[in-house]
Amino acid sequence: MLVELRTYTTHPGKWRDYLALYEAEGLEIQKRILGRMVGYYRTETGALNQIVHLWAYTDMNEREQRRAALAAEPQWKAYVAKMLPLLQNQESKILVPASFFTPSW
């Protein structure tokens, strides 16, 4: 099991627009195709204007297959065209559990 941690930094003050657009047009598509949403957050302190979301996958092969299916989805492409102008930066990290931790989602 692995978790992808994605951090999107919006232009100052645009996090509300990002979340509204995501809820209206992106959320259902991602949940349907990517499957296991571990969490979806916005920053309140520290680096501001950031959206942090986490997705669980069995392995990198499953991640690659699901991300490819998402990228091929016409509704997702239309959403991304509206969403990208709101962002300044995107970062993705792949997290693997420590040997003593077993995820339970």
C-alpha atoms as a PDB file:
ATOM      1  CA  MET A   1       0.000   0.000   0.000  1.00  0.00           C
ATOM      2  CA  LEU A   2       1.177   3.505  -0.736  1.00  0.00           C
ATOM      3  CA  VAL A   3      -0.246   7.001  -0.429  1.00  0.00           C
ATOM      4  CA  GLU A   4       0.210   9.834  -2.885  1.00  0.00           C
ATOM      5  CA  LEU A   5       0.332  13.202  -1.154  1.00  0.00           C
ATOM      6  CA  ARG A   6      -0.467  16.021  -3.568  1.00  0.00           C
ATOM      7  CA  THR A   7      -0.050  19.668  -2.574  1.00  0.00           C
ATOM      8  CA  TYR A   8      -1.487  22.387  -4.779  1.00  0.00           C
ATOM      9  CA  THR A   9      -0.639  26.018  -4.065  1.00  0.00           C
ATOM     10  CA  THR A  10      -3.229  28.413  -5.419  1.00  0.00           C
ATOM     11  CA  HIS A  11      -2.691  32.040  -6.304  1.00  0.00           C
ATOM     12  CA  PRO A  12      -3.248  34.143  -3.161  1.00  0.00           C
ATOM     13  CA  GLY A  13      -6.879  34.030  -2.101  1.00  0.00           C
ATOM     14  CA  LYS A  14      -7.922  31.587  -4.825  1.00  0.00           C
ATOM     15  CA  TRP A  15      -8.222  28.506  -2.585  1.00  0.00           C
ATOM     16  CA  ARG A  16     -11.967  29.130  -2.160  1.00  0.00           C
ATOM     17  CA  ASP A  17     -12.447  29.218  -5.946  1.00  0.00           C
ATOM     18  CA  TYR A  18     -10.368  26.051  -6.284  1.00  0.00           C
ATOM     19  CA  LEU A  19     -12.411  24.138  -3.673  1.00  0.00           C
ATOM     20  CA  ALA A  20     -15.738  25.324  -5.116  1.00  0.00           C
ATOM     21  CA  LEU A  21     -14.734  24.244  -8.622  1.00  0.00           C
ATOM     22  CA  TYR A  22     -13.345  20.921  -7.365  1.00  0.00           C
ATOM     23  CA  GLU A  23     -16.507  20.119  -5.402  1.00  0.00           C
ATOM     24  CA  ALA A  24     -18.736  21.031  -8.362  1.00  0.00           C
ATOM     25  CA  GLU A  25     -16.761  19.397 -11.189  1.00  0.00           C
ATOM     26  CA  GLY A  26     -13.752  17.357 -10.056  1.00  0.00           C
ATOM     27  CA  LEU A  27     -14.625  15.489  -6.862  1.00  0.00           C
ATOM     28  CA  GLU A  28     -17.029  12.903  -8.272  1.00  0.00           C
ATOM     29  CA  ILE A  29     -14.732  12.057 -11.173  1.00  0.00           C
ATOM     30  CA  GLN A  30     -11.681  11.561  -8.971  1.00  0.00           C
ATOM     31  CA  LYS A  31     -13.555   9.506  -6.387  1.00  0.00           C
ATOM     32  CA  ARG A  32     -15.007   7.301  -9.126  1.00  0.00           C
ATOM     33  CA  ILE A  33     -11.709   6.719 -10.938  1.00  0.00           C
ATOM     34  CA  LEU A  34      -9.020   6.997  -8.258  1.00  0.00           C
ATOM     35  CA  GLY A  35     -11.013   5.217  -5.576  1.00  0.00           C
ATOM     36  CA  ARG A  36      -9.433   5.628  -2.161  1.00  0.00           C
ATOM     37  CA  MET A  37      -9.423   9.246  -0.987  1.00  0.00           C
ATOM     38  CA  VAL A  38      -7.518   9.293   2.317  1.00  0.00           C
ATOM     39  CA  GLY A  39      -7.999  12.996   2.981  1.00  0.00           C
ATOM     40  CA  TYR A  40      -8.597  16.415   1.428  1.00  0.00           C
ATOM     41  CA  TYR A  41      -7.486  19.515   3.352  1.00  0.00           C
ATOM     42  CA  ARG A  42      -6.584  23.175   3.085  1.00  0.00           C
ATOM     43  CA  THR A  43      -3.844  24.860   5.064  1.00  0.00           C
ATOM     44  CA  GLU A  44      -4.797  27.180   7.903  1.00  0.00           C
ATOM     45  CA  THR A  45      -1.284  28.002   9.163  1.00  0.00           C
ATOM     46  CA  GLY A  46       2.216  27.774   7.721  1.00  0.00           C
ATOM     47  CA  ALA A  47       2.315  27.948   3.932  1.00  0.00           C
ATOM     48  CA  LEU A  48      -1.082  29.411   3.033  1.00  0.00           C
ATOM     49  CA  ASN A  49      -3.298  28.984  -0.040  1.00  0.00           C
ATOM     50  CA  GLN A  50      -2.497  25.280  -0.188  1.00  0.00           C
ATOM     51  CA  ILE A  51      -4.761  22.323  -0.829  1.00  0.00           C
ATOM     52  CA  VAL A  52      -3.419  18.962   0.335  1.00  0.00           C
ATOM     53  CA  HIS A  53      -5.004  15.701  -0.754  1.00  0.00           C
ATOM     54  CA  LEU A  54      -4.051  12.089  -0.227  1.00  0.00           C
ATOM     55  CA  TRP A  55      -4.920   9.038  -2.331  1.00  0.00           C
ATOM     56  CA  ALA A  56      -4.168   5.398  -1.458  1.00  0.00           C
ATOM     57  CA  TYR A  57      -3.096   2.775  -3.987  1.00  0.00           C
ATOM     58  CA  THR A  58      -2.141  -0.871  -3.706  1.00  0.00           C
ATOM     59  CA  ASP A  59       1.102  -0.198  -5.595  1.00  0.00           C
ATOM     60  CA  MET A  60       2.623   2.012  -8.301  1.00  0.00           C
ATOM     61  CA  ASN A  61       1.016  -0.072 -11.049  1.00  0.00           C
ATOM     62  CA  GLU A  62      -2.477   0.598  -9.706  1.00  0.00           C
ATOM     63  CA  ARG A  63      -1.626   4.295  -9.350  1.00  0.00           C
ATOM     64  CA  GLU A  64      -0.371   4.447 -12.933  1.00  0.00           C
ATOM     65  CA  GLN A  65      -3.486   2.708 -14.285  1.00  0.00           C
ATOM     66  CA  ARG A  66      -5.913   4.873 -12.322  1.00  0.00           C
ATOM     67  CA  ARG A  67      -4.085   8.128 -13.124  1.00  0.00           C
ATOM     68  CA  ALA A  68      -4.034   7.186 -16.841  1.00  0.00           C
ATOM     69  CA  ALA A  69      -7.788   6.499 -16.752  1.00  0.00           C
ATOM     70  CA  LEU A  70      -8.340   9.858 -15.053  1.00  0.00           C
ATOM     71  CA  ALA A  71      -6.214  11.699 -17.617  1.00  0.00           C
ATOM     72  CA  ALA A  72      -8.212  10.105 -20.457  1.00  0.00           C
ATOM     73  CA  GLU A  73     -11.610  11.126 -19.024  1.00  0.00           C
ATOM     74  CA  PRO A  74     -13.093  13.992 -21.127  1.00  0.00           C
ATOM     75  CA  GLN A  75     -14.919  15.547 -18.150  1.00  0.00           C
ATOM     76  CA  TRP A  76     -11.655  15.553 -16.189  1.00  0.00           C
ATOM     77  CA  LYS A  77      -9.837  17.280 -19.041  1.00  0.00           C
ATOM     78  CA  ALA A  78     -12.526  19.992 -19.092  1.00  0.00           C
ATOM     79  CA  TYR A  79     -12.225  20.417 -15.318  1.00  0.00           C
ATOM     80  CA  VAL A  80      -8.409  20.638 -15.457  1.00  0.00           C
ATOM     81  CA  ALA A  81      -8.595  23.397 -18.090  1.00  0.00           C
ATOM     82  CA  LYS A  82     -10.599  25.492 -15.594  1.00  0.00           C
ATOM     83  CA  MET A  83      -8.577  24.472 -12.533  1.00  0.00           C
ATOM     84  CA  LEU A  84      -4.974  24.975 -13.687  1.00  0.00           C
ATOM     85  CA  PRO A  85      -5.181  28.792 -13.968  1.00  0.00           C
ATOM     86  CA  LEU A  86      -5.968  28.905 -10.235  1.00  0.00           C
ATOM     87  CA  LEU A  87      -2.664  27.211  -9.330  1.00  0.00           C
ATOM     88  CA  GLN A  88       0.851  28.525  -8.800  1.00  0.00           C
ATOM     89  CA  ASN A  89       2.467  25.180  -8.028  1.00  0.00           C
ATOM     90  CA  GLN A  90       1.803  21.440  -7.800  1.00  0.00           C
ATOM     91  CA  GLU A  91       3.799  18.863  -5.849  1.00  0.00           C
ATOM     92  CA  SER A  92       3.364  15.104  -5.556  1.00  0.00           C
ATOM     93  CA  LYS A  93       5.034  12.752  -3.083  1.00  0.00           C
ATOM     94  CA  ILE A  94       4.693   8.989  -2.831  1.00  0.00           C
ATOM     95  CA  LEU A  95       4.564   7.827   0.798  1.00  0.00           C
ATOM     96  CA  VAL A  96       5.109   4.234   1.897  1.00  0.00           C
ATOM     97  CA  PRO A  97       4.102   3.037   5.366  1.00  0.00           C
ATOM     98  CA  ALA A  98       6.708   2.407   8.030  1.00  0.00           C
ATOM     99  CA  SER A  99       7.318  -1.285   8.769  1.00  0.00           C
ATOM    100  CA  PHE A 100       5.318  -1.099  12.025  1.00  0.00           C
ATOM    101  CA  PHE A 101       2.251   0.611  10.510  1.00  0.00           C
ATOM    102  CA  THR A 102      -0.520  -1.128   8.591  1.00  0.00           C
ATOM    103  CA  PRO A 103      -3.003   1.253   6.914  1.00  0.00           C
ATOM    104  CA  SER A 104      -6.646   0.364   7.546  1.00  0.00           C
ATOM    105  CA  TRP A 105      -8.775   2.052   4.926  1.00  0.00           C
END
